Amino acid sequence: GTVKTVTKKGTSSTNGYSNGNSNGDEACQYHEEKKNQPIREDLIPDMANSYRTLLASLGENPNREGLLKTPERAAKAMLFFTKGYEQDLDEVLNDAIFDENHDEMVVVKDIEMFSMCEHHLVPFYGKVSIGYIPSGKVLGLSKLARIVEVYSRRLQVQERLTKQIALAVLKAIQPTGVAVVVEGSHMCMVMRGVQKINSKTVTSTMLGEFRENDKTREEFLKLALTH
């Protein structure tokens, strides 16, 4: 079966939707906190010790040949899976924002993503489709995929991931509207619990013109969900 969760939330503003911007104090606080964070590679020894404790708690022998390097490998893997925490969106976009007199819908679909469910620490993966209607500026197409990467490589829930991607596009270029659909397969539903192998979760966030105009929304959904 297919589980569909439609997320259509937004705080109204003068242009009809949330602009996702924070004030200067919050931005300064974010950069100060980021500056004071330890280098992630320095976390590997402590993380490896934690994995070693976990293996022992499962009744395994962390010192047997097959598991000797597993704690360190697992620590490095987890850092890779969550490397979005150390990525700054402004640096990722790298000035790939261009003035362009184009006011028709732009859609990039089937962007592959993987993430980690924050509830069970198991993966979920799938595809992301992003649409926006420019208002004088466009993003380099590859940067939409990079935005997906920044927010998916964290501990996540699919609903929040969908909204974060939409708000990032909104903040970057202030388009007339943004639409994001994420179609995901969750290992927490496959490997445990209900164990439904073929189930998929579909979430969406619609902002601006996509939220307010039925025809615009329908056009995007037709493009995004047609395989």
N, C-alpha and C. Protein backbone atom coordinates (compact mmCIF):
# COMPACT_ATOMS: atom_id res chain seq x y z
N GLY A 1 0.82 -1.19 0.00
CA GLY A 1 0.00 0.00 0.00
C GLY A 1 0.85 1.23 0.00
N THR A 2 0.25 2.35 -0.36
CA THR A 2 0.94 3.62 -0.39
C THR A 2 0.35 4.56 0.64
N VAL A 3 1.16 5.05 1.53
CA VAL A 3 0.72 6.01 2.54
C VAL A 3 1.02 7.40 2.01
N LYS A 4 0.02 8.27 1.97
CA LYS A 4 0.20 9.62 1.47
C LYS A 4 0.00 10.63 2.58
N THR A 5 1.00 11.43 2.83
CA THR A 5 0.90 12.51 3.81
C THR A 5 1.14 13.80 3.08
N VAL A 6 0.14 14.65 3.00
CA VAL A 6 0.29 15.91 2.30
C VAL A 6 0.51 17.01 3.31
N THR A 7 1.64 17.67 3.23
CA THR A 7 1.99 18.73 4.16
C THR A 7 1.86 20.06 3.44
N LYS A 8 0.89 20.84 3.84
CA LYS A 8 0.68 22.14 3.20
C LYS A 8 0.59 23.21 4.27
N LYS A 9 1.72 23.50 4.86
CA LYS A 9 1.75 24.48 5.94
C LYS A 9 2.58 25.68 5.52
N GLY A 10 2.21 26.84 5.98
CA GLY A 10 2.99 28.04 5.70
C GLY A 10 2.41 29.20 6.47
N THR A 11 3.24 30.04 6.99
CA THR A 11 2.79 31.22 7.71
C THR A 11 2.68 32.36 6.72
N SER A 12 1.53 33.00 6.68
CA SER A 12 1.31 34.04 5.69
C SER A 12 2.18 35.24 5.97
N SER A 13 2.56 35.92 4.90
CA SER A 13 3.31 37.16 4.99
C SER A 13 2.81 38.06 3.88
N THR A 14 3.52 39.12 3.57
CA THR A 14 3.03 40.06 2.57
C THR A 14 2.91 39.42 1.20
N ASN A 15 3.71 38.41 0.90
CA ASN A 15 3.60 37.76 -0.40
C ASN A 15 2.79 36.48 -0.33
N GLY A 16 2.15 36.20 0.82
CA GLY A 16 1.23 35.08 0.90
C GLY A 16 1.82 33.82 1.45
N TYR A 17 3.11 33.81 1.78
CA TYR A 17 3.69 32.61 2.35
C TYR A 17 4.94 32.95 3.13
N SER A 18 5.36 31.98 3.93
CA SER A 18 6.50 32.22 4.81
C SER A 18 7.76 32.38 3.99
N ASN A 19 8.61 33.34 4.35
CA ASN A 19 9.87 33.50 3.63
C ASN A 19 11.01 32.73 4.25
N GLY A 20 10.79 32.12 5.42
CA GLY A 20 11.78 31.24 6.02
C GLY A 20 13.02 31.94 6.52
N ASN A 21 13.02 33.27 6.55
CA ASN A 21 14.21 33.99 6.98
C ASN A 21 14.27 34.12 8.49
N SER A 22 15.43 34.08 9.06
CA SER A 22 15.62 34.34 10.48
C SER A 22 16.25 35.72 10.61
N ASN A 23 16.20 36.27 11.80
CA ASN A 23 16.80 37.59 11.97
C ASN A 23 18.31 37.48 12.11
N GLY A 24 18.98 38.65 12.12
CA GLY A 24 20.43 38.66 12.13
C GLY A 24 21.03 38.02 13.36
N ASP A 25 20.39 38.22 14.52
CA ASP A 25 20.91 37.64 15.76
C ASP A 25 20.94 36.12 15.69
N GLU A 26 19.87 35.53 15.12
CA GLU A 26 19.82 34.07 15.00
C GLU A 26 20.90 33.59 14.05
N ALA A 27 21.13 34.33 12.96
CA ALA A 27 22.16 33.93 12.00
C ALA A 27 23.54 33.98 12.64
N CYS A 28 23.81 35.06 13.40
CA CYS A 28 25.11 35.17 14.07
C CYS A 28 25.30 34.05 15.08
N GLN A 29 24.24 33.73 15.81
CA GLN A 29 24.31 32.67 16.80
C GLN A 29 24.61 31.33 16.13
N TYR A 30 23.96 31.09 14.97
CA TYR A 30 24.19 29.84 14.24
C TYR A 30 25.65 29.72 13.84
N HIS A 31 26.21 30.79 13.24
CA HIS A 31 27.59 30.73 12.78
C HIS A 31 28.56 30.61 13.95
N GLU A 32 28.24 31.24 15.09
CA GLU A 32 29.10 31.14 16.27
C GLU A 32 29.09 29.71 16.80
N GLU A 33 27.91 29.10 16.86
CA GLU A 33 27.81 27.72 17.33
C GLU A 33 28.55 26.78 16.38
N LYS A 34 28.41 27.03 15.07
CA LYS A 34 29.08 26.18 14.09
C LYS A 34 30.60 26.29 14.23
N LYS A 35 31.09 27.53 14.48
CA LYS A 35 32.52 27.75 14.62
C LYS A 35 33.08 26.99 15.82
N ASN A 36 32.28 26.87 16.87
CA ASN A 36 32.73 26.23 18.10
C ASN A 36 32.54 24.72 18.12
N GLN A 37 31.95 24.18 17.07
CA GLN A 37 31.75 22.73 17.02
C GLN A 37 33.09 22.03 16.81
N PRO A 38 33.26 20.84 17.41
CA PRO A 38 34.50 20.10 17.20
C PRO A 38 34.59 19.60 15.76
N ILE A 39 35.82 19.40 15.29
CA ILE A 39 36.01 18.79 13.98
C ILE A 39 35.41 17.39 14.03
N ARG A 40 34.58 17.06 13.05
CA ARG A 40 33.80 15.83 13.15
C ARG A 40 34.67 14.57 13.21
N GLU A 41 35.81 14.60 12.52
CA GLU A 41 36.70 13.43 12.56
C GLU A 41 37.22 13.16 13.98
N ASP A 42 37.28 14.21 14.79
CA ASP A 42 37.74 14.05 16.17
C ASP A 42 36.74 13.27 17.02
N LEU A 43 35.51 13.14 16.51
CA LEU A 43 34.48 12.42 17.26
C LEU A 43 34.57 10.91 17.09
N ILE A 44 35.37 10.46 16.12
CA ILE A 44 35.40 9.03 15.79
C ILE A 44 35.77 8.14 16.97
N PRO A 45 36.81 8.44 17.76
CA PRO A 45 37.15 7.53 18.87
C PRO A 45 36.00 7.33 19.86
N ASP A 46 35.35 8.41 20.29
CA ASP A 46 34.24 8.28 21.23
C ASP A 46 33.07 7.52 20.61
N MET A 47 32.78 7.82 19.35
CA MET A 47 31.69 7.12 18.67
C MET A 47 32.01 5.64 18.52
N ALA A 48 33.27 5.33 18.19
CA ALA A 48 33.67 3.92 18.05
C ALA A 48 33.52 3.18 19.37
N ASN A 49 33.88 3.83 20.47
CA ASN A 49 33.70 3.21 21.79
C ASN A 49 32.23 2.93 22.07
N SER A 50 31.37 3.83 21.64
CA SER A 50 29.93 3.62 21.84
C SER A 50 29.45 2.42 21.03
N TYR A 51 29.92 2.30 19.80
CA TYR A 51 29.54 1.14 18.99
C TYR A 51 30.09 -0.15 19.59
N ARG A 52 31.28 -0.06 20.17
CA ARG A 52 31.87 -1.24 20.80
C ARG A 52 31.01 -1.68 21.99
N THR A 53 30.53 -0.72 22.77
CA THR A 53 29.63 -1.02 23.89
C THR A 53 28.34 -1.64 23.39
N LEU A 54 27.81 -1.12 22.30
CA LEU A 54 26.58 -1.65 21.72
C LEU A 54 26.75 -3.10 21.30
N LEU A 55 27.86 -3.40 20.64
CA LEU A 55 28.11 -4.78 20.21
C LEU A 55 28.17 -5.72 21.41
N ALA A 56 28.86 -5.28 22.46
CA ALA A 56 28.96 -6.11 23.66
C ALA A 56 27.59 -6.30 24.30
N SER A 57 26.77 -5.25 24.28
CA SER A 57 25.42 -5.35 24.87
C SER A 57 24.55 -6.33 24.11
N LEU A 58 24.83 -6.50 22.82
CA LEU A 58 24.08 -7.46 22.00
C LEU A 58 24.54 -8.90 22.24
N GLY A 59 25.59 -9.06 23.04
CA GLY A 59 26.12 -10.39 23.31
C GLY A 59 27.24 -10.79 22.38
N GLU A 60 27.69 -9.85 21.56
CA GLU A 60 28.78 -10.12 20.64
C GLU A 60 30.13 -9.88 21.31
N ASN A 61 31.17 -10.39 20.67
CA ASN A 61 32.53 -10.16 21.13
C ASN A 61 33.18 -9.12 20.21
N PRO A 62 33.30 -7.87 20.66
CA PRO A 62 33.86 -6.83 19.79
C PRO A 62 35.31 -7.08 19.40
N ASN A 63 35.95 -8.02 20.08
CA ASN A 63 37.36 -8.29 19.80
C ASN A 63 37.58 -9.44 18.84
N ARG A 64 36.49 -10.06 18.39
CA ARG A 64 36.70 -11.13 17.41
C ARG A 64 37.06 -10.52 16.06
N GLU A 65 37.69 -11.32 15.22
CA GLU A 65 38.30 -10.80 13.99
C GLU A 65 37.31 -10.00 13.13
N GLY A 66 36.12 -10.54 12.95
CA GLY A 66 35.17 -9.88 12.05
C GLY A 66 34.64 -8.56 12.56
N LEU A 67 34.79 -8.30 13.85
CA LEU A 67 34.24 -7.07 14.44
C LEU A 67 35.29 -6.09 14.93
N LEU A 68 36.56 -6.45 14.79
CA LEU A 68 37.62 -5.61 15.35
C LEU A 68 37.55 -4.16 14.83
N LYS A 69 37.32 -4.00 13.56
CA LYS A 69 37.30 -2.65 12.97
C LYS A 69 35.89 -2.12 12.75
N THR A 70 34.90 -2.92 13.12
CA THR A 70 33.51 -2.50 12.90
C THR A 70 33.15 -1.21 13.63
N PRO A 71 33.51 -1.04 14.90
CA PRO A 71 33.14 0.21 15.58
C PRO A 71 33.66 1.46 14.87
N GLU A 72 34.90 1.42 14.41
CA GLU A 72 35.44 2.59 13.72
C GLU A 72 34.76 2.79 12.37
N ARG A 73 34.53 1.68 11.65
CA ARG A 73 33.83 1.79 10.36
C ARG A 73 32.44 2.37 10.54
N ALA A 74 31.73 1.88 11.56
CA ALA A 74 30.37 2.35 11.81
C ALA A 74 30.36 3.83 12.18
N ALA A 75 31.34 4.26 12.96
CA ALA A 75 31.43 5.67 13.34
C ALA A 75 31.65 6.55 12.11
N LYS A 76 32.57 6.13 11.24
CA LYS A 76 32.83 6.89 10.02
C LYS A 76 31.60 6.91 9.11
N ALA A 77 30.91 5.78 9.04
CA ALA A 77 29.71 5.72 8.21
C ALA A 77 28.64 6.68 8.72
N MET A 78 28.44 6.72 10.03
CA MET A 78 27.43 7.59 10.60
C MET A 78 27.77 9.07 10.36
N LEU A 79 29.05 9.40 10.43
CA LEU A 79 29.45 10.77 10.13
C LEU A 79 29.15 11.12 8.68
N PHE A 80 29.36 10.17 7.78
CA PHE A 80 29.04 10.41 6.37
C PHE A 80 27.54 10.56 6.16
N PHE A 81 26.77 9.69 6.81
CA PHE A 81 25.32 9.74 6.66
C PHE A 81 24.74 11.07 7.15
N THR A 82 25.44 11.73 8.06
CA THR A 82 24.92 12.96 8.68
C THR A 82 25.80 14.17 8.37
N LYS A 83 26.51 14.13 7.26
CA LYS A 83 27.44 15.23 6.98
C LYS A 83 26.72 16.52 6.61
N GLY A 84 25.40 16.46 6.41
CA GLY A 84 24.65 17.68 6.16
C GLY A 84 24.73 18.68 7.29
N TYR A 85 24.98 18.19 8.51
CA TYR A 85 25.08 19.09 9.66
C TYR A 85 26.24 20.08 9.53
N GLU A 86 27.28 19.69 8.81
CA GLU A 86 28.45 20.56 8.72
C GLU A 86 28.46 21.40 7.44
N GLN A 87 27.41 21.30 6.64
CA GLN A 87 27.35 22.03 5.39
C GLN A 87 26.53 23.31 5.54
N ASP A 88 27.06 24.40 5.05
CA ASP A 88 26.39 25.69 5.10
C ASP A 88 25.71 25.94 3.75
N LEU A 89 24.43 26.26 3.77
CA LEU A 89 23.67 26.38 2.54
C LEU A 89 24.22 27.46 1.62
N ASP A 90 24.64 28.59 2.18
CA ASP A 90 25.19 29.67 1.35
C ASP A 90 26.45 29.22 0.63
N GLU A 91 27.28 28.44 1.32
CA GLU A 91 28.50 27.94 0.69
C GLU A 91 28.18 26.92 -0.38
N VAL A 92 27.16 26.10 -0.14
CA VAL A 92 26.76 25.08 -1.11
C VAL A 92 26.24 25.73 -2.39
N LEU A 93 25.43 26.76 -2.25
CA LEU A 93 24.88 27.44 -3.44
C LEU A 93 25.98 28.17 -4.21
N ASN A 94 26.98 28.65 -3.50
CA ASN A 94 28.20 29.18 -4.12
C ASN A 94 27.90 30.19 -5.23
N ASP A 95 27.01 31.10 -4.93
CA ASP A 95 26.67 32.18 -5.88
C ASP A 95 26.08 31.68 -7.19
N ALA A 96 25.54 30.47 -7.21
CA ALA A 96 24.92 29.94 -8.44
C ALA A 96 23.47 30.40 -8.54
N ILE A 97 23.29 31.70 -8.36
CA ILE A 97 21.98 32.34 -8.48
C ILE A 97 22.10 33.38 -9.58
N PHE A 98 21.22 33.27 -10.57
CA PHE A 98 21.38 34.08 -11.78
C PHE A 98 20.13 34.91 -12.05
N ASP A 99 20.35 36.15 -12.49
CA ASP A 99 19.24 36.99 -12.93
C ASP A 99 18.73 36.45 -14.27
N GLU A 100 17.44 36.21 -14.34
CA GLU A 100 16.86 35.62 -15.55
C GLU A 100 15.41 36.04 -15.67
N ASN A 101 15.04 36.57 -16.84
CA ASN A 101 13.67 36.99 -17.08
C ASN A 101 12.85 35.80 -17.55
N HIS A 102 12.60 34.89 -16.62
CA HIS A 102 11.83 33.67 -16.93
C HIS A 102 10.79 33.50 -15.83
N ASP A 103 9.52 33.43 -16.24
CA ASP A 103 8.46 33.36 -15.23
C ASP A 103 7.58 32.13 -15.38
N GLU A 104 8.11 31.11 -16.07
CA GLU A 104 7.39 29.85 -16.21
C GLU A 104 7.97 28.83 -15.22
N MET A 105 7.20 27.80 -14.96
CA MET A 105 7.57 26.80 -13.97
C MET A 105 8.88 26.08 -14.33
N VAL A 106 9.72 25.91 -13.34
CA VAL A 106 10.95 25.10 -13.47
C VAL A 106 10.78 23.88 -12.57
N VAL A 107 10.97 22.69 -13.14
CA VAL A 107 10.81 21.46 -12.37
C VAL A 107 12.04 20.58 -12.56
N VAL A 108 12.62 20.14 -11.47
CA VAL A 108 13.66 19.11 -11.49
C VAL A 108 13.11 17.93 -10.70
N LYS A 109 12.98 16.78 -11.34
CA LYS A 109 12.32 15.65 -10.70
C LYS A 109 13.26 14.47 -10.54
N ASP A 110 12.83 13.56 -9.67
CA ASP A 110 13.54 12.30 -9.44
C ASP A 110 14.98 12.51 -8.96
N ILE A 111 15.17 13.48 -8.08
CA ILE A 111 16.47 13.66 -7.44
C ILE A 111 16.60 12.58 -6.36
N GLU A 112 17.58 11.72 -6.51
CA GLU A 112 17.72 10.61 -5.56
C GLU A 112 18.23 11.13 -4.21
N MET A 113 17.69 10.57 -3.15
CA MET A 113 18.13 10.97 -1.81
C MET A 113 18.13 9.77 -0.88
N PHE A 114 18.97 9.85 0.15
CA PHE A 114 18.87 8.91 1.26
C PHE A 114 19.05 9.70 2.54
N SER A 115 18.44 9.20 3.59
CA SER A 115 18.51 9.88 4.88
C SER A 115 18.42 8.85 5.99
N MET A 116 18.48 9.32 7.23
CA MET A 116 18.40 8.44 8.38
C MET A 116 17.19 8.83 9.22
N CYS A 117 16.31 7.87 9.46
CA CYS A 117 15.15 8.10 10.31
C CYS A 117 15.62 8.41 11.73
N GLU A 118 15.18 9.54 12.27
CA GLU A 118 15.64 9.92 13.61
C GLU A 118 15.00 9.09 14.71
N HIS A 119 13.95 8.36 14.39
CA HIS A 119 13.28 7.56 15.41
C HIS A 119 13.96 6.21 15.64
N HIS A 120 14.50 5.61 14.57
CA HIS A 120 15.06 4.26 14.70
C HIS A 120 16.51 4.17 14.22
N LEU A 121 17.04 5.27 13.67
CA LEU A 121 18.41 5.28 13.14
C LEU A 121 18.60 4.23 12.06
N VAL A 122 17.59 4.06 11.22
CA VAL A 122 17.71 3.22 10.03
C VAL A 122 17.40 4.10 8.82
N PRO A 123 17.84 3.67 7.64
CA PRO A 123 17.71 4.56 6.47
C PRO A 123 16.29 4.67 5.94
N PHE A 124 16.03 5.79 5.29
CA PHE A 124 14.95 5.86 4.32
C PHE A 124 15.51 6.53 3.07
N TYR A 125 14.94 6.19 1.95
CA TYR A 125 15.50 6.67 0.68
C TYR A 125 14.38 6.86 -0.32
N GLY A 126 14.67 7.57 -1.37
CA GLY A 126 13.64 7.78 -2.38
C GLY A 126 14.03 8.87 -3.35
N LYS A 127 13.01 9.59 -3.84
CA LYS A 127 13.24 10.61 -4.86
C LYS A 127 12.51 11.90 -4.48
N VAL A 128 13.11 13.01 -4.88
CA VAL A 128 12.58 14.33 -4.59
C VAL A 128 12.33 15.06 -5.91
N SER A 129 11.18 15.69 -6.01
CA SER A 129 10.89 16.56 -7.15
C SER A 129 10.64 17.97 -6.63
N ILE A 130 11.28 18.94 -7.28
CA ILE A 130 11.20 20.34 -6.86
C ILE A 130 10.72 21.19 -8.03
N GLY A 131 9.75 22.05 -7.76
CA GLY A 131 9.31 23.00 -8.77
C GLY A 131 9.28 24.40 -8.18
N TYR A 132 9.56 25.38 -9.01
CA TYR A 132 9.41 26.77 -8.56
C TYR A 132 9.09 27.66 -9.75
N ILE A 133 8.49 28.79 -9.47
CA ILE A 133 8.18 29.79 -10.49
C ILE A 133 9.06 30.99 -10.22
N PRO A 134 10.04 31.26 -11.09
CA PRO A 134 11.01 32.32 -10.81
C PRO A 134 10.37 33.70 -10.74
N SER A 135 11.03 34.56 -10.00
CA SER A 135 10.63 35.96 -9.92
C SER A 135 11.88 36.82 -10.12
N GLY A 136 12.48 36.64 -11.31
CA GLY A 136 13.67 37.41 -11.65
C GLY A 136 14.99 36.70 -11.40
N LYS A 137 14.96 35.58 -10.66
CA LYS A 137 16.19 34.85 -10.37
C LYS A 137 15.96 33.35 -10.53
N VAL A 138 17.00 32.64 -10.99
CA VAL A 138 16.94 31.18 -11.08
C VAL A 138 18.17 30.60 -10.39
N LEU A 139 18.03 29.35 -9.98
CA LEU A 139 19.14 28.60 -9.36
C LEU A 139 19.78 27.70 -10.40
N GLY A 140 21.10 27.54 -10.32
CA GLY A 140 21.73 26.50 -11.12
C GLY A 140 21.08 25.16 -10.81
N LEU A 141 20.75 24.39 -11.85
CA LEU A 141 19.93 23.19 -11.65
C LEU A 141 20.58 22.20 -10.69
N SER A 142 21.90 22.07 -10.75
CA SER A 142 22.57 21.12 -9.87
C SER A 142 22.45 21.53 -8.41
N LYS A 143 22.21 22.82 -8.16
CA LYS A 143 22.12 23.28 -6.78
C LYS A 143 20.85 22.81 -6.09
N LEU A 144 19.81 22.53 -6.87
CA LEU A 144 18.61 21.95 -6.27
C LEU A 144 18.94 20.58 -5.68
N ALA A 145 19.74 19.80 -6.41
CA ALA A 145 20.17 18.50 -5.89
C ALA A 145 21.04 18.66 -4.65
N ARG A 146 21.86 19.70 -4.63
CA ARG A 146 22.73 19.93 -3.47
C ARG A 146 21.91 20.33 -2.25
N ILE A 147 20.85 21.10 -2.46
CA ILE A 147 19.97 21.46 -1.34
C ILE A 147 19.37 20.19 -0.74
N VAL A 148 18.92 19.28 -1.60
CA VAL A 148 18.38 18.00 -1.12
C VAL A 148 19.42 17.27 -0.29
N GLU A 149 20.65 17.27 -0.76
CA GLU A 149 21.72 16.56 -0.06
C GLU A 149 21.99 17.16 1.32
N VAL A 150 22.02 18.49 1.40
CA VAL A 150 22.31 19.16 2.67
C VAL A 150 21.32 18.74 3.75
N TYR A 151 20.04 18.70 3.39
CA TYR A 151 19.02 18.43 4.41
C TYR A 151 18.70 16.95 4.59
N SER A 152 18.98 16.13 3.59
CA SER A 152 18.70 14.70 3.74
C SER A 152 19.79 13.99 4.52
N ARG A 153 21.01 14.49 4.46
CA ARG A 153 22.10 13.83 5.18
C ARG A 153 22.17 14.33 6.62
N ARG A 154 21.07 14.08 7.31
CA ARG A 154 20.92 14.41 8.73
C ARG A 154 19.96 13.38 9.31
N LEU A 155 19.80 13.39 10.62
CA LEU A 155 18.72 12.61 11.22
C LEU A 155 17.43 13.35 10.90
N GLN A 156 16.47 12.64 10.29
CA GLN A 156 15.33 13.34 9.71
C GLN A 156 14.02 12.59 9.91
N VAL A 157 12.94 13.31 9.68
CA VAL A 157 11.64 12.72 9.36
C VAL A 157 11.27 13.30 8.00
N GLN A 158 10.54 12.53 7.21
CA GLN A 158 10.31 12.93 5.83
C GLN A 158 9.51 14.23 5.72
N GLU A 159 8.57 14.42 6.64
CA GLU A 159 7.75 15.63 6.59
C GLU A 159 8.60 16.89 6.76
N ARG A 160 9.52 16.85 7.72
CA ARG A 160 10.38 18.01 7.96
C ARG A 160 11.35 18.22 6.80
N LEU A 161 11.90 17.13 6.29
CA LEU A 161 12.82 17.22 5.15
C LEU A 161 12.16 17.93 3.98
N THR A 162 10.92 17.56 3.69
CA THR A 162 10.19 18.16 2.58
C THR A 162 10.07 19.67 2.75
N LYS A 163 9.70 20.09 3.94
CA LYS A 163 9.51 21.52 4.19
C LYS A 163 10.83 22.27 4.18
N GLN A 164 11.89 21.67 4.72
CA GLN A 164 13.19 22.34 4.75
C GLN A 164 13.71 22.60 3.35
N ILE A 165 13.52 21.65 2.45
CA ILE A 165 13.96 21.83 1.06
C ILE A 165 13.21 23.00 0.43
N ALA A 166 11.89 23.03 0.63
CA ALA A 166 11.08 24.10 0.04
C ALA A 166 11.49 25.47 0.58
N LEU A 167 11.69 25.56 1.89
CA LEU A 167 12.06 26.84 2.49
C LEU A 167 13.46 27.29 2.06
N ALA A 168 14.35 26.33 1.80
CA ALA A 168 15.70 26.68 1.34
C ALA A 168 15.65 27.31 -0.05
N VAL A 169 14.83 26.75 -0.94
CA VAL A 169 14.67 27.33 -2.28
C VAL A 169 14.04 28.72 -2.16
N LEU A 170 13.05 28.83 -1.31
CA LEU A 170 12.38 30.12 -1.09
C LEU A 170 13.36 31.18 -0.61
N LYS A 171 14.16 30.83 0.36
CA LYS A 171 15.13 31.78 0.91
C LYS A 171 16.18 32.18 -0.12
N ALA A 172 16.57 31.23 -0.97
CA ALA A 172 17.67 31.48 -1.91
C ALA A 172 17.28 32.46 -3.01
N ILE A 173 16.08 32.32 -3.58
CA ILE A 173 15.76 33.11 -4.78
C ILE A 173 14.41 33.82 -4.72
N GLN A 174 13.67 33.68 -3.61
CA GLN A 174 12.40 34.38 -3.45
C GLN A 174 11.49 34.22 -4.68
N PRO A 175 11.19 32.99 -5.08
CA PRO A 175 10.33 32.79 -6.25
C PRO A 175 8.87 33.10 -5.93
N THR A 176 8.04 33.10 -6.98
CA THR A 176 6.61 33.31 -6.80
C THR A 176 5.97 32.14 -6.06
N GLY A 177 6.54 30.97 -6.23
CA GLY A 177 6.03 29.79 -5.54
C GLY A 177 7.05 28.67 -5.56
N VAL A 178 6.94 27.77 -4.60
CA VAL A 178 7.82 26.60 -4.50
C VAL A 178 6.96 25.38 -4.20
N ALA A 179 7.29 24.27 -4.84
CA ALA A 179 6.61 23.00 -4.56
C ALA A 179 7.64 21.90 -4.44
N VAL A 180 7.47 21.04 -3.45
CA VAL A 180 8.38 19.91 -3.25
C VAL A 180 7.55 18.67 -2.94
N VAL A 181 7.86 17.58 -3.63
CA VAL A 181 7.25 16.28 -3.34
C VAL A 181 8.38 15.29 -3.08
N VAL A 182 8.27 14.56 -1.98
CA VAL A 182 9.24 13.52 -1.65
C VAL A 182 8.51 12.18 -1.58
N GLU A 183 9.05 11.20 -2.27
CA GLU A 183 8.50 9.84 -2.26
C GLU A 183 9.55 8.93 -1.65
N GLY A 184 9.25 8.38 -0.47
CA GLY A 184 10.28 7.65 0.27
C GLY A 184 9.88 6.25 0.68
N SER A 185 10.88 5.39 0.74
CA SER A 185 10.73 4.04 1.29
C SER A 185 11.50 3.98 2.59
N HIS A 186 10.83 3.55 3.65
CA HIS A 186 11.40 3.62 5.00
C HIS A 186 11.74 2.22 5.50
N MET A 187 13.00 2.02 5.83
CA MET A 187 13.43 0.72 6.33
C MET A 187 12.80 0.40 7.68
N CYS A 188 12.35 1.42 8.42
CA CYS A 188 11.69 1.13 9.69
C CYS A 188 10.32 0.49 9.46
N MET A 189 9.76 0.64 8.26
CA MET A 189 8.51 -0.03 7.92
C MET A 189 8.75 -1.37 7.23
N VAL A 190 9.96 -1.55 6.72
CA VAL A 190 10.30 -2.78 5.99
C VAL A 190 10.90 -3.82 6.92
N MET A 191 11.82 -3.41 7.79
CA MET A 191 12.61 -4.33 8.60
C MET A 191 12.01 -4.61 9.97
N ARG A 192 11.07 -3.78 10.40
CA ARG A 192 10.49 -3.93 11.73
C ARG A 192 9.02 -3.53 11.66
N GLY A 193 8.35 -3.58 12.80
CA GLY A 193 6.97 -3.10 12.85
C GLY A 193 6.05 -3.83 11.88
N VAL A 194 5.40 -3.06 10.99
CA VAL A 194 4.42 -3.65 10.08
C VAL A 194 5.07 -4.48 8.98
N GLN A 195 6.36 -4.27 8.69
CA GLN A 195 7.11 -5.04 7.71
C GLN A 195 6.41 -5.06 6.35
N LYS A 196 6.06 -3.89 5.85
CA LYS A 196 5.43 -3.76 4.54
C LYS A 196 6.50 -3.34 3.53
N ILE A 197 6.97 -4.30 2.76
CA ILE A 197 8.14 -4.10 1.91
C ILE A 197 7.89 -3.07 0.81
N ASN A 198 6.69 -3.05 0.25
CA ASN A 198 6.43 -2.20 -0.92
C ASN A 198 5.77 -0.87 -0.59
N SER A 199 5.63 -0.54 0.68
CA SER A 199 4.95 0.71 1.04
C SER A 199 5.85 1.91 0.75
N LYS A 200 5.21 3.00 0.37
CA LYS A 200 5.92 4.26 0.14
C LYS A 200 5.17 5.39 0.83
N THR A 201 5.93 6.36 1.27
CA THR A 201 5.35 7.54 1.91
C THR A 201 5.58 8.74 0.98
N VAL A 202 4.52 9.47 0.70
CA VAL A 202 4.60 10.64 -0.17
C VAL A 202 4.25 11.88 0.64
N THR A 203 5.16 12.85 0.67
CA THR A 203 4.91 14.10 1.39
C THR A 203 5.09 15.27 0.43
N SER A 204 4.39 16.34 0.69
CA SER A 204 4.52 17.52 -0.17
C SER A 204 4.46 18.79 0.67
N THR A 205 5.14 19.81 0.17
CA THR A 205 5.02 21.16 0.70
C THR A 205 4.76 22.10 -0.47
N MET A 206 3.73 22.91 -0.36
CA MET A 206 3.36 23.87 -1.40
C MET A 206 3.39 25.27 -0.80
N LEU A 207 4.10 26.17 -1.44
CA LEU A 207 4.21 27.55 -0.98
C LEU A 207 3.85 28.51 -2.11
N GLY A 208 3.28 29.64 -1.75
CA GLY A 208 3.00 30.68 -2.73
C GLY A 208 2.00 30.25 -3.78
N GLU A 209 2.35 30.44 -5.05
CA GLU A 209 1.44 30.17 -6.17
C GLU A 209 0.99 28.72 -6.20
N PHE A 210 1.85 27.81 -5.79
CA PHE A 210 1.49 26.38 -5.81
C PHE A 210 0.44 26.07 -4.74
N ARG A 211 0.45 26.82 -3.68
CA ARG A 211 -0.53 26.63 -2.61
C ARG A 211 -1.86 27.29 -2.95
N GLU A 212 -1.78 28.44 -3.61
CA GLU A 212 -2.96 29.27 -3.82
C GLU A 212 -3.70 28.96 -5.12
N ASN A 213 -3.00 28.39 -6.11
CA ASN A 213 -3.59 28.19 -7.43
C ASN A 213 -3.70 26.69 -7.73
N ASP A 214 -4.93 26.20 -7.81
CA ASP A 214 -5.16 24.77 -8.01
C ASP A 214 -4.55 24.28 -9.31
N LYS A 215 -4.68 25.04 -10.39
CA LYS A 215 -4.17 24.59 -11.69
C LYS A 215 -2.65 24.51 -11.69
N THR A 216 -2.01 25.47 -11.05
CA THR A 216 -0.55 25.44 -10.96
C THR A 216 -0.08 24.23 -10.17
N ARG A 217 -0.76 23.97 -9.05
CA ARG A 217 -0.41 22.81 -8.23
C ARG A 217 -0.62 21.52 -9.00
N GLU A 218 -1.74 21.41 -9.70
CA GLU A 218 -2.04 20.19 -10.46
C GLU A 218 -1.02 19.96 -11.58
N GLU A 219 -0.61 21.05 -12.23
CA GLU A 219 0.40 20.92 -13.29
C GLU A 219 1.70 20.37 -12.73
N PHE A 220 2.12 20.91 -11.59
CA PHE A 220 3.36 20.43 -10.98
C PHE A 220 3.24 18.97 -10.57
N LEU A 221 2.15 18.61 -9.90
CA LEU A 221 2.00 17.23 -9.42
C LEU A 221 1.97 16.25 -10.58
N LYS A 222 1.36 16.65 -11.69
CA LYS A 222 1.33 15.78 -12.86
C LYS A 222 2.73 15.56 -13.40
N LEU A 223 3.52 16.63 -13.45
CA LEU A 223 4.90 16.51 -13.92
C LEU A 223 5.76 15.71 -12.94
N ALA A 224 5.57 15.96 -11.65
CA ALA A 224 6.44 15.36 -10.64
C ALA A 224 6.16 13.88 -10.43
N LEU A 225 4.91 13.48 -10.51
CA LEU A 225 4.53 12.11 -10.14
C LEU A 225 4.33 11.19 -11.33
N THR A 226 4.53 11.70 -12.55
CA THR A 226 4.44 10.85 -13.74
C THR A 226 5.79 10.22 -14.01
N HIS A 227 5.81 8.89 -14.01
CA HIS A 227 7.09 8.18 -14.21
C HIS A 227 7.11 7.54 -15.60
